């Protein structure tokens, strides 16, 4: 079973690295996909996430619901898990 974790973000540079590392540590290798659905961050949120090797998507609309829906549309897992940074 692969789990897709969708994280809507906006200026979460202070939190995103810790969250991604916790998710990877709690998973078995290869059974988790992490998707950042960013709402136009002006800090280093997306760069940090990219450096950690997760999928980063720039949402076409800002707002949690839109970002979560867009992230879910990219997910490949059979379980979707939504987490807020």
Protein backbone atom coordinates (compact mmCIF):
# COMPACT_ATOMS: atom_id res chain seq x y z
CA UNK A 1 0.00 0.00 0.00
CA UNK A 2 1.33 3.40 -0.93
CA UNK A 3 0.28 6.45 0.99
CA UNK A 4 0.19 9.86 -0.64
CA UNK A 5 0.62 12.69 1.84
CA UNK A 6 -0.67 16.01 0.57
CA UNK A 7 0.52 19.14 2.36
CA UNK A 8 -0.98 22.51 1.44
CA UNK A 9 1.61 25.18 2.16
CA UNK A 10 2.04 28.92 2.23
CA UNK A 11 5.23 30.35 3.75
CA UNK A 12 6.02 27.29 5.88
CA UNK A 13 9.83 27.45 5.62
CA UNK A 14 10.17 27.27 9.40
CA UNK A 15 8.17 24.03 9.63
CA UNK A 16 8.34 22.11 6.37
CA UNK A 17 11.73 20.41 6.77
CA UNK A 18 10.86 18.99 10.18
CA UNK A 19 7.47 17.76 8.95
CA UNK A 20 8.87 16.07 5.84
CA UNK A 21 11.65 14.41 7.82
CA UNK A 22 9.12 13.14 10.40
CA UNK A 23 6.93 11.68 7.67
CA UNK A 24 9.86 9.91 6.02
CA UNK A 25 11.07 8.58 9.38
CA UNK A 26 7.62 7.18 10.20
CA UNK A 27 7.29 5.35 6.88
CA UNK A 28 8.82 2.28 5.37
CA UNK A 29 11.09 3.08 2.47
CA UNK A 30 9.14 3.46 -0.74
CA UNK A 31 5.63 3.37 0.73
CA UNK A 32 5.08 7.12 0.98
CA UNK A 33 4.69 9.87 -1.57
CA UNK A 34 4.79 13.46 -0.31
CA UNK A 35 3.19 16.21 -2.37
CA UNK A 36 3.54 19.86 -1.45
CA UNK A 37 0.73 21.93 -2.96
CA UNK A 38 1.98 25.46 -2.52
CA UNK A 39 -0.20 28.56 -2.59
CA UNK A 40 2.46 31.03 -3.75
CA UNK A 41 4.96 31.08 -0.88
CA UNK A 42 7.36 33.99 -0.87
CA UNK A 43 9.85 32.31 1.45
CA UNK A 44 11.97 29.21 0.85
CA UNK A 45 9.21 26.63 1.44
CA UNK A 46 9.29 25.19 -2.06
CA UNK A 47 13.10 25.12 -2.32
CA UNK A 48 13.41 23.28 0.99
CA UNK A 49 10.80 20.73 -0.07
CA UNK A 50 12.46 20.20 -3.46
CA UNK A 51 15.85 19.74 -1.79
CA UNK A 52 14.30 16.99 0.34
CA UNK A 53 13.12 15.18 -2.79
CA UNK A 54 9.37 15.57 -2.54
CA UNK A 55 6.96 16.60 -5.28
CA UNK A 56 6.25 20.33 -5.27
CA UNK A 57 3.21 21.65 -7.09
CA UNK A 58 2.38 25.33 -7.51
CA UNK A 59 -1.37 25.47 -7.05
CA UNK A 60 -3.33 27.48 -9.59
CA UNK A 61 -5.59 28.84 -6.83
CA UNK A 62 -4.67 29.92 -3.34
CA UNK A 63 -6.59 28.49 -0.42
CA UNK A 64 -6.43 25.25 1.48
CA UNK A 65 -9.30 23.47 -0.25
CA UNK A 66 -8.05 24.24 -3.76
CA UNK A 67 -4.49 23.32 -2.85
CA UNK A 68 -5.58 20.01 -1.29
CA UNK A 69 -7.75 19.15 -4.31
CA UNK A 70 -4.93 19.91 -6.75
CA UNK A 71 -2.46 17.91 -4.67
CA UNK A 72 -4.87 14.97 -4.50
CA UNK A 73 -5.25 15.01 -8.27
CA UNK A 74 -1.49 14.35 -8.57
CA UNK A 75 -1.41 11.56 -5.99
CA UNK A 76 -0.48 8.03 -7.03
CA UNK A 77 -1.14 6.30 -3.71
CA UNK A 78 -4.22 4.32 -2.84
CA UNK A 79 -4.51 6.15 0.49
CA UNK A 80 -4.59 9.96 0.68
CA UNK A 81 -3.49 11.64 3.91
CA UNK A 82 -3.79 15.39 4.31
CA UNK A 83 -1.43 17.15 6.73
CA UNK A 84 -1.10 20.83 7.48
CA UNK A 85 2.39 22.19 8.08
